[in-house]
C-alpha cells in the first residue's frame, strides 16, 4: 500500500494526467469572466445604438478597449478549454482529433479577430 497525501494523489491523476490542471484553468477563467463580463457590460452598454464615430471614440479610451479585449480573449480561451473537454468525453477516433483541431483553431481565430478589431479602433 502506498502512503500518499491527498495533494500527491490529485497531481497527475486522470486518464490524460491533466485533469487537475484543466479544472484549475477552467476555474480561474470562470472567476476572471465573473469579473470581466459586468465590466464589459458597463463599458459596452452605453454604446448600444450609437453611431460609428461615437463607438470608435469610446473604444479609443483605454478602459473600454482593455476590458473588451480581455473579455474576448479570456472568453474564447474558456470556450476552447470547455469545448475540448466535451469533445474528448463524447467523441472517439479520428473525428475527435479533427473536431479538437477545428475548435481550437476557431477559438484562436475568433479571439485574434476580436482583439485586432479593438486594437484597430483604439489606435
PDB file of N, CA and C in Angstrom:
ATOM      1  N   UNK A   1       0.844  -1.183   0.000  1.00  0.00           N
ATOM      2  CA  UNK A   1       0.000   0.000   0.000  1.00  0.00           C
ATOM      3  C   UNK A   1       0.885   1.240   0.000  1.00  0.00           C
ATOM      4  N   UNK A   2       0.488   2.203  -0.815  1.00  0.00           N
ATOM      5  CA  UNK A   2       1.265   3.422  -0.921  1.00  0.00           C
ATOM      6  C   UNK A   2       0.697   4.470   0.022  1.00  0.00           C
ATOM      7  N   UNK A   3       1.582   5.183   0.671  1.00  0.00           N
ATOM      8  CA  UNK A   3       1.167   6.245   1.579  1.00  0.00           C
ATOM      9  C   UNK A   3       1.353   7.582   0.878  1.00  0.00           C
ATOM     10  N   UNK A   4       0.268   8.099   0.323  1.00  0.00           N
ATOM     11  CA  UNK A   4       0.310   9.366  -0.395  1.00  0.00           C
ATOM     12  C   UNK A   4      -0.607  10.368   0.276  1.00  0.00           C
ATOM     13  N   UNK A   5      -0.203  11.611   0.234  1.00  0.00           N
ATOM     14  CA  UNK A   5      -1.087  12.664   0.723  1.00  0.00           C
ATOM     15  C   UNK A   5      -2.170  12.922  -0.319  1.00  0.00           C
ATOM     16  N   UNK A   6      -3.216  13.614   0.092  1.00  0.00           N
ATOM     17  CA  UNK A   6      -4.295  13.956  -0.839  1.00  0.00           C
ATOM     18  C   UNK A   6      -3.772  14.776  -2.010  1.00  0.00           C
ATOM     19  N   UNK A   7      -2.844  15.665  -1.727  1.00  0.00           N
ATOM     20  CA  UNK A   7      -2.293  16.505  -2.798  1.00  0.00           C
ATOM     21  C   UNK A   7      -1.539  15.651  -3.820  1.00  0.00           C
ATOM     22  N   UNK A   8      -0.728  14.721  -3.348  1.00  0.00           N
ATOM     23  CA  UNK A   8       0.028  13.881  -4.283  1.00  0.00           C
ATOM     24  C   UNK A   8      -0.886  12.964  -5.079  1.00  0.00           C
ATOM     25  N   UNK A   9      -2.005  12.570  -4.495  1.00  0.00           N
ATOM     26  CA  UNK A   9      -2.956  11.755  -5.244  1.00  0.00           C
ATOM     27  C   UNK A   9      -3.624  12.568  -6.339  1.00  0.00           C
ATOM     28  N   UNK A  10      -3.847  13.843  -6.097  1.00  0.00           N
ATOM     29  CA  UNK A  10      -4.554  14.683  -7.071  1.00  0.00           C
ATOM     30  C   UNK A  10      -3.658  15.100  -8.229  1.00  0.00           C
ATOM     31  N   UNK A  11      -2.388  15.323  -7.968  1.00  0.00           N
ATOM     32  CA  UNK A  11      -1.484  15.783  -9.022  1.00  0.00           C
ATOM     33  C   UNK A  11      -1.167  14.622  -9.961  1.00  0.00           C
ATOM     34  N   UNK A  12      -1.434  14.848 -11.227  1.00  0.00           N
ATOM     35  CA  UNK A  12      -1.071  13.864 -12.232  1.00  0.00           C
ATOM     36  C   UNK A  12      -2.042  12.720 -12.390  1.00  0.00           C
ATOM     37  N   UNK A  13      -3.167  12.722 -11.688  1.00  0.00           N
ATOM     38  CA  UNK A  13      -4.133  11.640 -11.848  1.00  0.00           C
ATOM     39  C   UNK A  13      -5.056  11.906 -13.021  1.00  0.00           C
ATOM     40  N   UNK A  14      -5.715  10.895 -13.483  1.00  0.00           N
ATOM     41  CA  UNK A  14      -6.645  11.019 -14.592  1.00  0.00           C
ATOM     42  C   UNK A  14      -6.094  10.323 -15.815  1.00  0.00           C
ATOM     43  N   UNK A  15      -6.974  10.060 -16.773  1.00  0.00           N
ATOM     44  CA  UNK A  15      -6.565   9.324 -17.962  1.00  0.00           C
ATOM     45  C   UNK A  15      -5.504  10.078 -18.753  1.00  0.00           C
ATOM     46  N   UNK A  16      -5.632  11.379 -18.855  1.00  0.00           N
ATOM     47  CA  UNK A  16      -4.669  12.169 -19.612  1.00  0.00           C
ATOM     48  C   UNK A  16      -3.607  12.794 -18.719  1.00  0.00           C
ATOM     49  N   UNK A  17      -3.704  12.563 -17.422  1.00  0.00           N
ATOM     50  CA  UNK A  17      -2.796  13.131 -16.426  1.00  0.00           C
ATOM     51  C   UNK A  17      -2.798  14.661 -16.459  1.00  0.00           C
ATOM     52  N   UNK A  18      -3.940  15.241 -16.828  1.00  0.00           N
ATOM     53  CA  UNK A  18      -4.060  16.695 -16.864  1.00  0.00           C
ATOM     54  C   UNK A  18      -5.373  17.172 -16.262  1.00  0.00           C
ATOM     55  N   UNK A  19      -6.094  16.304 -15.587  1.00  0.00           N
ATOM     56  CA  UNK A  19      -7.413  16.655 -15.072  1.00  0.00           C
ATOM     57  C   UNK A  19      -7.388  17.809 -14.086  1.00  0.00           C
ATOM     58  N   UNK A  20      -6.440  17.791 -13.168  1.00  0.00           N
ATOM     59  CA  UNK A  20      -6.364  18.843 -12.160  1.00  0.00           C
ATOM     60  C   UNK A  20      -6.000  20.181 -12.802  1.00  0.00           C
ATOM     61  N   UNK A  21      -5.058  20.166 -13.722  1.00  0.00           N
ATOM     62  CA  UNK A  21      -4.661  21.395 -14.407  1.00  0.00           C
ATOM     63  C   UNK A  21      -5.813  21.971 -15.219  1.00  0.00           C
ATOM     64  N   UNK A  22      -6.554  21.099 -15.908  1.00  0.00           N
ATOM     65  CA  UNK A  22      -7.695  21.560 -16.704  1.00  0.00           C
ATOM     66  C   UNK A  22      -8.763  22.161 -15.797  1.00  0.00           C
ATOM     67  N   UNK A  23      -9.063  21.485 -14.694  1.00  0.00           N
ATOM     68  CA  UNK A  23     -10.073  22.003 -13.770  1.00  0.00           C
ATOM     69  C   UNK A  23      -9.640  23.355 -13.191  1.00  0.00           C
ATOM     70  N   UNK A  24      -8.376  23.464 -12.849  1.00  0.00           N
ATOM     71  CA  UNK A  24      -7.871  24.710 -12.281  1.00  0.00           C
ATOM     72  C   UNK A  24      -7.944  25.854 -13.297  1.00  0.00           C
ATOM     73  N   UNK A  25      -7.560  25.592 -14.559  1.00  0.00           N
ATOM     74  CA  UNK A  25      -7.605  26.651 -15.573  1.00  0.00           C
ATOM     75  C   UNK A  25      -9.045  27.072 -15.863  1.00  0.00           C
ATOM     76  N   UNK A  26      -9.971  26.115 -15.860  1.00  0.00           N
ATOM     77  CA  UNK A  26     -11.384  26.460 -16.074  1.00  0.00           C
ATOM     78  C   UNK A  26     -11.927  27.270 -14.901  1.00  0.00           C
ATOM     79  N   UNK A  27     -11.512  26.932 -13.691  1.00  0.00           N
ATOM     80  CA  UNK A  27     -11.964  27.671 -12.511  1.00  0.00           C
ATOM     81  C   UNK A  27     -11.431  29.099 -12.534  1.00  0.00           C
ATOM     82  N   UNK A  28     -10.161  29.259 -12.854  1.00  0.00           N
ATOM     83  CA  UNK A  28      -9.557  30.597 -12.894  1.00  0.00           C
ATOM     84  C   UNK A  28     -10.210  31.447 -13.977  1.00  0.00           C
ATOM     85  N   UNK A  29     -10.411  30.871 -15.172  1.00  0.00           N
ATOM     86  CA  UNK A  29     -11.037  31.656 -16.240  1.00  0.00           C
ATOM     87  C   UNK A  29     -12.498  31.960 -15.923  1.00  0.00           C
ATOM     88  N   UNK A  30     -13.178  31.073 -15.197  1.00  0.00           N
ATOM     89  CA  UNK A  30     -14.561  31.349 -14.790  1.00  0.00           C
ATOM     90  C   UNK A  30     -14.624  32.553 -13.854  1.00  0.00           C
ATOM     91  N   UNK A  31     -13.728  32.586 -12.875  1.00  0.00           N
ATOM     92  CA  UNK A  31     -13.703  33.723 -11.968  1.00  0.00           C
ATOM     93  C   UNK A  31     -13.281  34.999 -12.695  1.00  0.00           C
ATOM     94  N   UNK A  32     -12.365  34.868 -13.638  1.00  0.00           N
ATOM     95  CA  UNK A  32     -11.975  36.028 -14.437  1.00  0.00           C
ATOM     96  C   UNK A  32     -13.153  36.580 -15.226  1.00  0.00           C
ATOM     97  N   UNK A  33     -13.933  35.677 -15.832  1.00  0.00           N
ATOM     98  CA  UNK A  33     -15.113  36.123 -16.579  1.00  0.00           C
ATOM     99  C   UNK A  33     -16.187  36.683 -15.655  1.00  0.00           C
ATOM    100  N   UNK A  34     -16.251  36.171 -14.434  1.00  0.00           N
ATOM    101  CA  UNK A  34     -17.215  36.691 -13.461  1.00  0.00           C
ATOM    102  C   UNK A  34     -16.954  38.164 -13.170  1.00  0.00           C
ATOM    103  N   UNK A  35     -15.708  38.573 -13.245  1.00  0.00           N
ATOM    104  CA  UNK A  35     -15.342  39.981 -13.042  1.00  0.00           C
ATOM    105  C   UNK A  35     -15.421  40.752 -14.359  1.00  0.00           C
ATOM    106  N   UNK A  36     -14.954  40.147 -15.448  1.00  0.00           N
ATOM    107  CA  UNK A  36     -14.860  40.865 -16.721  1.00  0.00           C
ATOM    108  C   UNK A  36     -16.205  41.123 -17.390  1.00  0.00           C
ATOM    109  N   UNK A  37     -17.146  40.204 -17.307  1.00  0.00           N
ATOM    110  CA  UNK A  37     -18.419  40.385 -18.021  1.00  0.00           C
ATOM    111  C   UNK A  37     -19.205  41.600 -17.499  1.00  0.00           C
ATOM    112  N   UNK A  38     -19.348  41.797 -16.184  1.00  0.00           N
ATOM    113  CA  UNK A  38     -20.019  43.038 -15.749  1.00  0.00           C
ATOM    114  C   UNK A  38     -19.259  44.298 -16.166  1.00  0.00           C
ATOM    115  N   UNK A  39     -17.921  44.250 -16.110  1.00  0.00           N
ATOM    116  CA  UNK A  39     -17.147  45.405 -16.561  1.00  0.00           C
ATOM    117  C   UNK A  39     -17.345  45.636 -18.056  1.00  0.00           C
ATOM    118  N   UNK A  40     -17.425  44.552 -18.823  1.00  0.00           N
ATOM    119  CA  UNK A  40     -17.677  44.671 -20.258  1.00  0.00           C
ATOM    120  C   UNK A  40     -19.045  45.293 -20.509  1.00  0.00           C
ATOM    121  N   UNK A  41     -20.052  44.881 -19.756  1.00  0.00           N
ATOM    122  CA  UNK A  41     -21.389  45.452 -19.935  1.00  0.00           C
ATOM    123  C   UNK A  41     -21.412  46.936 -19.588  1.00  0.00           C
ATOM    124  N   UNK A  42     -20.631  47.326 -18.584  1.00  0.00           N
ATOM    125  CA  UNK A  42     -20.533  48.745 -18.223  1.00  0.00           C
ATOM    126  C   UNK A  42     -19.826  49.519 -19.339  1.00  0.00           C
ATOM    127  N   UNK A  43     -18.783  48.924 -19.914  1.00  0.00           N
ATOM    128  CA  UNK A  43     -18.022  49.607 -20.970  1.00  0.00           C
ATOM    129  C   UNK A  43     -18.761  49.609 -22.296  1.00  0.00           C
ATOM    130  N   UNK A  44     -19.492  48.540 -22.609  1.00  0.00           N
ATOM    131  CA  UNK A  44     -20.125  48.389 -23.914  1.00  0.00           C
ATOM    132  C   UNK A  44     -21.557  48.920 -23.942  1.00  0.00           C
ATOM    133  N   UNK A  45     -22.245  48.857 -22.825  1.00  0.00           N
ATOM    134  CA  UNK A  45     -23.658  49.235 -22.761  1.00  0.00           C
ATOM    135  C   UNK A  45     -23.992  50.620 -23.286  1.00  0.00           C
ATOM    136  N   UNK A  46     -23.266  51.659 -22.902  1.00  0.00           N
ATOM    137  CA  UNK A  46     -23.609  52.995 -23.385  1.00  0.00           C
ATOM    138  C   UNK A  46     -23.480  53.169 -24.899  1.00  0.00           C
ATOM    139  N   UNK A  47     -22.785  52.282 -25.553  1.00  0.00           N
ATOM    140  CA  UNK A  47     -22.562  52.422 -26.987  1.00  0.00           C
ATOM    141  C   UNK A  47     -23.613  51.717 -27.841  1.00  0.00           C
ATOM    142  N   UNK A  48     -24.540  51.027 -27.230  1.00  0.00           N
ATOM    143  CA  UNK A  48     -25.605  50.373 -27.992  1.00  0.00           C
ATOM    144  C   UNK A  48     -26.447  51.421 -28.710  1.00  0.00           C
ATOM    145  N   UNK A  49     -26.542  51.312 -30.003  1.00  0.00           N
ATOM    146  CA  UNK A  49     -27.332  52.243 -30.803  1.00  0.00           C
ATOM    147  C   UNK A  49     -26.607  53.519 -31.182  1.00  0.00           C
ATOM    148  N   UNK A  50     -25.367  53.662 -30.757  1.00  0.00           N
ATOM    149  CA  UNK A  50     -24.605  54.872 -31.081  1.00  0.00           C
ATOM    150  C   UNK A  50     -24.036  54.764 -32.494  1.00  0.00           C
ATOM    151  N   UNK A  51     -23.637  55.890 -33.041  1.00  0.00           N
ATOM    152  CA  UNK A  51     -23.060  55.923 -34.378  1.00  0.00           C
ATOM    153  C   UNK A  51     -21.626  55.438 -34.399  1.00  0.00           C
ATOM    154  N   UNK A  52     -21.112  55.246 -35.605  1.00  0.00           N
ATOM    155  CA  UNK A  52     -19.760  54.716 -35.792  1.00  0.00           C
ATOM    156  C   UNK A  52     -18.706  55.607 -35.141  1.00  0.00           C
ATOM    157  N   UNK A  53     -18.830  56.915 -35.329  1.00  0.00           N
ATOM    158  CA  UNK A  53     -17.840  57.843 -34.775  1.00  0.00           C
ATOM    159  C   UNK A  53     -17.834  57.803 -33.255  1.00  0.00           C
ATOM    160  N   UNK A  54     -19.025  57.728 -32.660  1.00  0.00           N
ATOM    161  CA  UNK A  54     -19.110  57.662 -31.194  1.00  0.00           C
ATOM    162  C   UNK A  54     -18.494  56.370 -30.653  1.00  0.00           C
ATOM    163  N   UNK A  55     -18.759  55.262 -31.336  1.00  0.00           N
ATOM    164  CA  UNK A  55     -18.231  53.974 -30.883  1.00  0.00           C
ATOM    165  C   UNK A  55     -16.711  53.941 -30.994  1.00  0.00           C
ATOM    166  N   UNK A  56     -16.171  54.403 -32.113  1.00  0.00           N
ATOM    167  CA  UNK A  56     -14.706  54.399 -32.261  1.00  0.00           C
ATOM    168  C   UNK A  56     -14.047  55.360 -31.271  1.00  0.00           C
ATOM    169  N   UNK A  57     -14.686  56.485 -30.987  1.00  0.00           N
ATOM    170  CA  UNK A  57     -14.141  57.414 -29.984  1.00  0.00           C
ATOM    171  C   UNK A  57     -14.192  56.789 -28.589  1.00  0.00           C
ATOM    172  N   UNK A  58     -15.271  56.061 -28.298  1.00  0.00           N
ATOM    173  CA  UNK A  58     -15.407  55.424 -26.983  1.00  0.00           C
ATOM    174  C   UNK A  58     -14.349  54.332 -26.788  1.00  0.00           C
ATOM    175  N   UNK A  59     -14.142  53.496 -27.814  1.00  0.00           N
ATOM    176  CA  UNK A  59     -13.173  52.412 -27.685  1.00  0.00           C
ATOM    177  C   UNK A  59     -11.742  52.872 -27.909  1.00  0.00           C
ATOM    178  N   UNK A  60     -11.534  54.132 -28.207  1.00  0.00           N
ATOM    179  CA  UNK A  60     -10.188  54.687 -28.256  1.00  0.00           C
ATOM    180  C   UNK A  60      -9.679  54.977 -26.845  1.00  0.00           C
ATOM    181  N   UNK A  61     -10.584  55.006 -25.864  1.00  0.00           N
ATOM    182  CA  UNK A  61     -10.201  55.192 -24.468  1.00  0.00           C
ATOM    183  C   UNK A  61      -9.630  53.868 -23.932  1.00  0.00           C
ATOM    184  N   UNK A  62      -8.684  53.952 -23.001  1.00  0.00           N
ATOM    185  CA  UNK A  62      -8.025  52.724 -22.528  1.00  0.00           C
ATOM    186  C   UNK A  62      -8.945  51.735 -21.807  1.00  0.00           C
ATOM    187  N   UNK A  63      -9.797  52.208 -20.890  1.00  0.00           N
ATOM    188  CA  UNK A  63     -10.609  51.287 -20.093  1.00  0.00           C
ATOM    189  C   UNK A  63     -11.537  50.423 -20.942  1.00  0.00           C
ATOM    190  N   UNK A  64     -12.368  51.014 -21.815  1.00  0.00           N
ATOM    191  CA  UNK A  64     -13.241  50.149 -22.613  1.00  0.00           C
ATOM    192  C   UNK A  64     -12.482  49.212 -23.548  1.00  0.00           C
ATOM    193  N   UNK A  65     -11.367  49.685 -24.105  1.00  0.00           N
ATOM    194  CA  UNK A  65     -10.600  48.849 -25.028  1.00  0.00           C
ATOM    195  C   UNK A  65      -9.960  47.667 -24.307  1.00  0.00           C
ATOM    196  N   UNK A  66      -9.361  47.922 -23.164  1.00  0.00           N
ATOM    197  CA  UNK A  66      -8.693  46.849 -22.418  1.00  0.00           C
ATOM    198  C   UNK A  66      -9.705  45.844 -21.891  1.00  0.00           C
ATOM    199  N   UNK A  67     -10.799  46.326 -21.312  1.00  0.00           N
ATOM    200  CA  UNK A  67     -11.822  45.424 -20.771  1.00  0.00           C
ATOM    201  C   UNK A  67     -12.428  44.572 -21.880  1.00  0.00           C
ATOM    202  N   UNK A  68     -12.724  45.169 -23.017  1.00  0.00           N
ATOM    203  CA  UNK A  68     -13.313  44.427 -24.121  1.00  0.00           C
ATOM    204  C   UNK A  68     -12.342  43.395 -24.679  1.00  0.00           C
ATOM    205  N   UNK A  69     -11.089  43.774 -24.873  1.00  0.00           N
ATOM    206  CA  UNK A  69     -10.090  42.830 -25.392  1.00  0.00           C
ATOM    207  C   UNK A  69      -9.871  41.669 -24.422  1.00  0.00           C
ATOM    208  N   UNK A  70      -9.782  41.971 -23.128  1.00  0.00           N
ATOM    209  CA  UNK A  70      -9.610  40.905 -22.135  1.00  0.00           C
ATOM    210  C   UNK A  70     -10.826  39.983 -22.084  1.00  0.00           C
ATOM    211  N   UNK A  71     -12.014  40.554 -22.178  1.00  0.00           N
ATOM    212  CA  UNK A  71     -13.228  39.731 -22.148  1.00  0.00           C
ATOM    213  C   UNK A  71     -13.284  38.804 -23.352  1.00  0.00           C
ATOM    214  N   UNK A  72     -12.952  39.325 -24.524  1.00  0.00           N
ATOM    215  CA  UNK A  72     -12.946  38.495 -25.726  1.00  0.00           C
ATOM    216  C   UNK A  72     -11.914  37.380 -25.588  1.00  0.00           C
ATOM    217  N   UNK A  73     -10.698  37.722 -25.168  1.00  0.00           N
ATOM    218  CA  UNK A  73      -9.634  36.728 -25.115  1.00  0.00           C
ATOM    219  C   UNK A  73      -9.915  35.657 -24.053  1.00  0.00           C
ATOM    220  N   UNK A  74     -10.236  36.078 -22.833  1.00  0.00           N
ATOM    221  CA  UNK A  74     -10.490  35.112 -21.758  1.00  0.00           C
ATOM    222  C   UNK A  74     -11.727  34.275 -22.076  1.00  0.00           C
ATOM    223  N   UNK A  75     -12.751  34.903 -22.633  1.00  0.00           N
ATOM    224  CA  UNK A  75     -13.959  34.160 -23.001  1.00  0.00           C
ATOM    225  C   UNK A  75     -13.696  33.099 -24.039  1.00  0.00           C
ATOM    226  N   UNK A  76     -12.905  33.410 -25.040  1.00  0.00           N
ATOM    227  CA  UNK A  76     -12.627  32.427 -26.085  1.00  0.00           C
ATOM    228  C   UNK A  76     -11.686  31.328 -25.594  1.00  0.00           C
ATOM    229  N   UNK A  77     -10.766  31.641 -24.699  1.00  0.00           N
ATOM    230  CA  UNK A  77      -9.909  30.592 -24.147  1.00  0.00           C
ATOM    231  C   UNK A  77     -10.716  29.668 -23.226  1.00  0.00           C
ATOM    232  N   UNK A  78     -11.665  30.229 -22.486  1.00  0.00           N
ATOM    233  CA  UNK A  78     -12.561  29.424 -21.659  1.00  0.00           C
ATOM    234  C   UNK A  78     -13.415  28.523 -22.554  1.00  0.00           C
ATOM    235  N   UNK A  79     -13.924  29.069 -23.647  1.00  0.00           N
ATOM    236  CA  UNK A  79     -14.703  28.283 -24.611  1.00  0.00           C
ATOM    237  C   UNK A  79     -13.858  27.153 -25.194  1.00  0.00           C
ATOM    238  N   UNK A  80     -12.611  27.467 -25.569  1.00  0.00           N
ATOM    239  CA  UNK A  80     -11.711  26.467 -26.155  1.00  0.00           C
ATOM    240  C   UNK A  80     -11.499  25.298 -25.199  1.00  0.00           C
ATOM    241  N   UNK A  81     -11.216  25.594 -23.946  1.00  0.00           N
ATOM    242  CA  UNK A  81     -10.990  24.522 -22.970  1.00  0.00           C
ATOM    243  C   UNK A  81     -12.254  23.728 -22.685  1.00  0.00           C
ATOM    244  N   UNK A  82     -13.381  24.407 -22.610  1.00  0.00           N
ATOM    245  CA  UNK A  82     -14.638  23.721 -22.335  1.00  0.00           C
ATOM    246  C   UNK A  82     -15.085  22.828 -23.469  1.00  0.00           C
ATOM    247  N   UNK A  83     -15.023  23.332 -24.693  1.00  0.00           N
ATOM    248  CA  UNK A  83     -15.469  22.536 -25.833  1.00  0.00           C
ATOM    249  C   UNK A  83     -14.497  21.383 -26.088  1.00  0.00           C
ATOM    250  N   UNK A  84     -13.238  21.570 -25.771  1.00  0.00           N
ATOM    251  CA  UNK A  84     -12.281  20.466 -25.912  1.00  0.00           C
ATOM    252  C   UNK A  84     -12.619  19.335 -24.952  1.00  0.00           C
ATOM    253  N   UNK A  85     -12.985  19.690 -23.727  1.00  0.00           N
ATOM    254  CA  UNK A  85     -13.361  18.649 -22.751  1.00  0.00           C
ATOM    255  C   UNK A  85     -14.611  17.900 -23.210  1.00  0.00           C
ATOM    256  N   UNK A  86     -15.571  18.615 -23.763  1.00  0.00           N
ATOM    257  CA  UNK A  86     -16.789  17.966 -24.252  1.00  0.00           C
ATOM    258  C   UNK A  86     -16.470  17.027 -25.408  1.00  0.00           C
ATOM    259  N   UNK A  87     -15.656  17.485 -26.342  1.00  0.00           N
ATOM    260  CA  UNK A  87     -15.289  16.642 -27.485  1.00  0.00           C
ATOM    261  C   UNK A  87     -14.519  15.408 -27.020  1.00  0.00           C
ATOM    262  N   UNK A  88     -13.587  15.585 -26.083  1.00  0.00           N
ATOM    263  CA  UNK A  88     -12.823  14.443 -25.583  1.00  0.00           C
ATOM    264  C   UNK A  88     -13.706  13.431 -24.874  1.00  0.00           C
ATOM    265  N   UNK A  89     -14.761  13.898 -24.216  1.00  0.00           N
ATOM    266  CA  UNK A  89     -15.641  12.992 -23.490  1.00  0.00           C
ATOM    267  C   UNK A  89     -16.594  12.228 -24.398  1.00  0.00           C
ATOM    268  N   UNK A  90     -17.065  12.846 -25.467  1.00  0.00           N
ATOM    269  CA  UNK A  90     -18.161  12.262 -26.230  1.00  0.00           C
ATOM    270  C   UNK A  90     -17.823  11.825 -27.651  1.00  0.00           C
ATOM    271  N   UNK A  91     -16.621  12.059 -28.124  1.00  0.00           N
ATOM    272  CA  UNK A  91     -16.259  11.625 -29.472  1.00  0.00           C
ATOM    273  C   UNK A  91     -15.047  10.708 -29.400  1.00  0.00           C
ATOM    274  N   UNK A  92     -14.875   9.880 -30.448  1.00  0.00           N
ATOM    275  CA  UNK A  92     -13.773   8.926 -30.471  1.00  0.00           C
ATOM    276  C   UNK A  92     -13.161   8.883 -31.862  1.00  0.00           C
ATOM    277  N   UNK A  93     -11.919   8.416 -31.913  1.00  0.00           N
ATOM    278  CA  UNK A  93     -11.267   8.192 -33.190  1.00  0.00           C
ATOM    279  C   UNK A  93     -10.786   9.466 -33.862  1.00  0.00           C
ATOM    280  N   UNK A  94     -10.718   9.382 -35.191  1.00  0.00           N
ATOM    281  CA  UNK A  94     -10.205  10.486 -35.991  1.00  0.00           C
ATOM    282  C   UNK A  94     -11.108  11.718 -35.918  1.00  0.00           C
ATOM    283  N   UNK A  95     -12.425  11.512 -35.840  1.00  0.00           N
ATOM    284  CA  UNK A  95     -13.359  12.650 -35.757  1.00  0.00           C
ATOM    285  C   UNK A  95     -13.078  13.492 -34.516  1.00  0.00           C
ATOM    286  N   UNK A  96     -12.718  12.827 -33.440  1.00  0.00           N
ATOM    287  CA  UNK A  96     -12.402  13.538 -32.202  1.00  0.00           C
ATOM    288  C   UNK A  96     -11.219  14.472 -32.402  1.00  0.00           C
ATOM    289  N   UNK A  97     -10.151  13.963 -32.982  1.00  0.00           N
ATOM    290  CA  UNK A  97      -8.959  14.781 -33.212  1.00  0.00           C
ATOM    291  C   UNK A  97      -9.249  15.920 -34.184  1.00  0.00           C
ATOM    292  N   UNK A  98     -10.020  15.613 -35.223  1.00  0.00           N
ATOM    293  CA  UNK A  98     -10.356  16.625 -36.216  1.00  0.00           C
ATOM    294  C   UNK A  98     -11.166  17.761 -35.597  1.00  0.00           C
ATOM    295  N   UNK A  99     -12.175  17.418 -34.807  1.00  0.00           N
ATOM    296  CA  UNK A  99     -13.005  18.450 -34.192  1.00  0.00           C
ATOM    297  C   UNK A  99     -12.245  19.258 -33.146  1.00  0.00           C
ATOM    298  N   UNK A 100     -11.318  18.634 -32.446  1.00  0.00           N
ATOM    299  CA  UNK A 100     -10.492  19.381 -31.492  1.00  0.00           C
ATOM    300  C   UNK A 100      -9.652  20.414 -32.238  1.00  0.00           C
ATOM    301  N   UNK A 101      -9.035  20.006 -33.339  1.00  0.00           N
ATOM    302  CA  UNK A 101      -8.225  20.929 -34.133  1.00  0.00           C
ATOM    303  C   UNK A 101      -9.086  22.065 -34.673  1.00  0.00           C
ATOM    304  N   UNK A 102     -10.271  21.741 -35.197  1.00  0.00           N
ATOM    305  CA  UNK A 102     -11.157  22.765 -35.749  1.00  0.00           C
ATOM    306  C   UNK A 102     -11.584  23.755 -34.677  1.00  0.00           C
ATOM    307  N   UNK A 103     -11.989  23.253 -33.514  1.00  0.00           N
ATOM    308  CA  UNK A 103     -12.490  24.145 -32.469  1.00  0.00           C
ATOM    309  C   UNK A 103     -11.380  24.992 -31.845  1.00  0.00           C
ATOM    310  N   UNK A 104     -10.191  24.429 -31.701  1.00  0.00           N
ATOM    311  CA  UNK A 104      -9.077  25.221 -31.174  1.00  0.00           C
ATOM    312  C   UNK A 104      -8.709  26.321 -32.168  1.00  0.00           C
ATOM    313  N   UNK A 105      -8.652  25.976 -33.455  1.00  0.00           N
ATOM    314  CA  UNK A 105      -8.345  26.977 -34.482  1.00  0.00           C
ATOM    315  C   UNK A 105      -9.422  28.057 -34.532  1.00  0.00           C
ATOM    316  N   UNK A 106     -10.688  27.651 -34.437  1.00  0.00           N
ATOM    317  CA  UNK A 106     -11.790  28.616 -34.439  1.00  0.00           C
ATOM    318  C   UNK A 106     -11.720  29.538 -33.226  1.00  0.00           C
ATOM    319  N   UNK A 107     -11.383  28.992 -32.075  1.00  0.00           N
ATOM    320  CA  UNK A 107     -11.285  29.801 -30.858  1.00  0.00           C
ATOM    321  C   UNK A 107     -10.180  30.848 -30.971  1.00  0.00           C
ATOM    322  N   UNK A 108      -9.004  30.419 -31.414  1.00  0.00           N
ATOM    323  CA  UNK A 108      -7.898  31.373 -31.558  1.00  0.00           C
ATOM    324  C   UNK A 108      -8.183  32.395 -32.660  1.00  0.00           C
ATOM    325  N   UNK A 109      -8.796  31.969 -33.753  1.00  0.00           N
ATOM    326  CA  UNK A 109      -9.116  32.901 -34.838  1.00  0.00           C
ATOM    327  C   UNK A 109     -10.125  33.944 -34.376  1.00  0.00           C
ATOM    328  N   UNK A 110     -11.142  33.518 -33.642  1.00  0.00           N
ATOM    329  CA  UNK A 110     -12.147  34.456 -33.135  1.00  0.00           C
ATOM    330  C   UNK A 110     -11.533  35.427 -32.134  1.00  0.00           C
ATOM    331  N   UNK A 111     -10.715  34.912 -31.220  1.00  0.00           N
ATOM    332  CA  UNK A 111     -10.073  35.779 -30.229  1.00  0.00           C
ATOM    333  C   UNK A 111      -9.142  36.784 -30.906  1.00  0.00           C
ATOM    334  N   UNK A 112      -8.345  36.327 -31.847  1.00  0.00           N
ATOM    335  CA  UNK A 112      -7.414  37.227 -32.539  1.00  0.00           C
ATOM    336  C   UNK A 112      -8.156  38.277 -33.351  1.00  0.00           C
ATOM    337  N   UNK A 113      -9.237  37.880 -34.019  1.00  0.00           N
ATOM    338  CA  UNK A 113     -10.016  38.836 -34.806  1.00  0.00           C
ATOM    339  C   UNK A 113     -10.651  39.893 -33.916  1.00  0.00           C
ATOM    340  N   UNK A 114     -11.214  39.469 -32.786  1.00  0.00           N
ATOM    341  CA  UNK A 114     -11.828  40.424 -31.864  1.00  0.00           C
ATOM    342  C   UNK A 114     -10.833  41.392 -31.272  1.00  0.00           C
ATOM    343  N   UNK A 115      -9.685  40.880 -30.846  1.00  0.00           N
ATOM    344  CA  UNK A 115      -8.661  41.753 -30.260  1.00  0.00           C
ATOM    345  C   UNK A 115      -8.083  42.681 -31.322  1.00  0.00           C
ATOM    346  N   UNK A 116      -7.911  42.171 -32.546  1.00  0.00           N
ATOM    347  CA  UNK A 116      -7.431  43.024 -33.640  1.00  0.00           C
ATOM    348  C   UNK A 116      -8.410  44.164 -33.906  1.00  0.00           C
ATOM    349  N   UNK A 117      -9.698  43.869 -33.918  1.00  0.00           N
ATOM    350  CA  UNK A 117     -10.702  44.906 -34.164  1.00  0.00           C
ATOM    351  C   UNK A 117     -10.675  45.968 -33.062  1.00  0.00           C
ATOM    352  N   UNK A 118     -10.526  45.549 -31.823  1.00  0.00           N
ATOM    353  CA  UNK A 118     -10.465  46.503 -30.707  1.00  0.00           C
ATOM    354  C   UNK A 118      -9.190  47.344 -30.827  1.00  0.00           C
ATOM    355  N   UNK A 119      -8.063  46.702 -31.121  1.00  0.00           N
ATOM    356  CA  UNK A 119      -6.809  47.449 -31.269  1.00  0.00           C
ATOM    357  C   UNK A 119      -6.879  48.441 -32.424  1.00  0.00           C
ATOM    358  N   UNK A 120      -7.518  48.052 -33.497  1.00  0.00           N
ATOM    359  CA  UNK A 120      -7.656  48.947 -34.643  1.00  0.00           C
ATOM    360  C   UNK A 120      -8.472  50.196 -34.274  1.00  0.00           C
ATOM    361  N   UNK A 121      -9.509  50.006 -33.467  1.00  0.00           N
ATOM    362  CA  UNK A 121     -10.293  51.162 -33.021  1.00  0.00           C
ATOM    363  C   UNK A 121      -9.528  51.986 -31.980  1.00  0.00           C
ATOM    364  N   UNK A 122      -8.741  51.320 -31.143  1.00  0.00           N
ATOM    365  CA  UNK A 122      -8.044  52.014 -30.059  1.00  0.00           C
ATOM    366  C   UNK A 122      -6.832  52.799 -30.553  1.00  0.00           C
ATOM    367  N   UNK A 123      -6.245  52.361 -31.648  1.00  0.00           N
ATOM    368  CA  UNK A 123      -5.012  53.039 -32.092  1.00  0.00           C
ATOM    369  C   UNK A 123      -5.263  53.971 -33.218  1.00  0.00           C
TER     370      UNK A 123
END
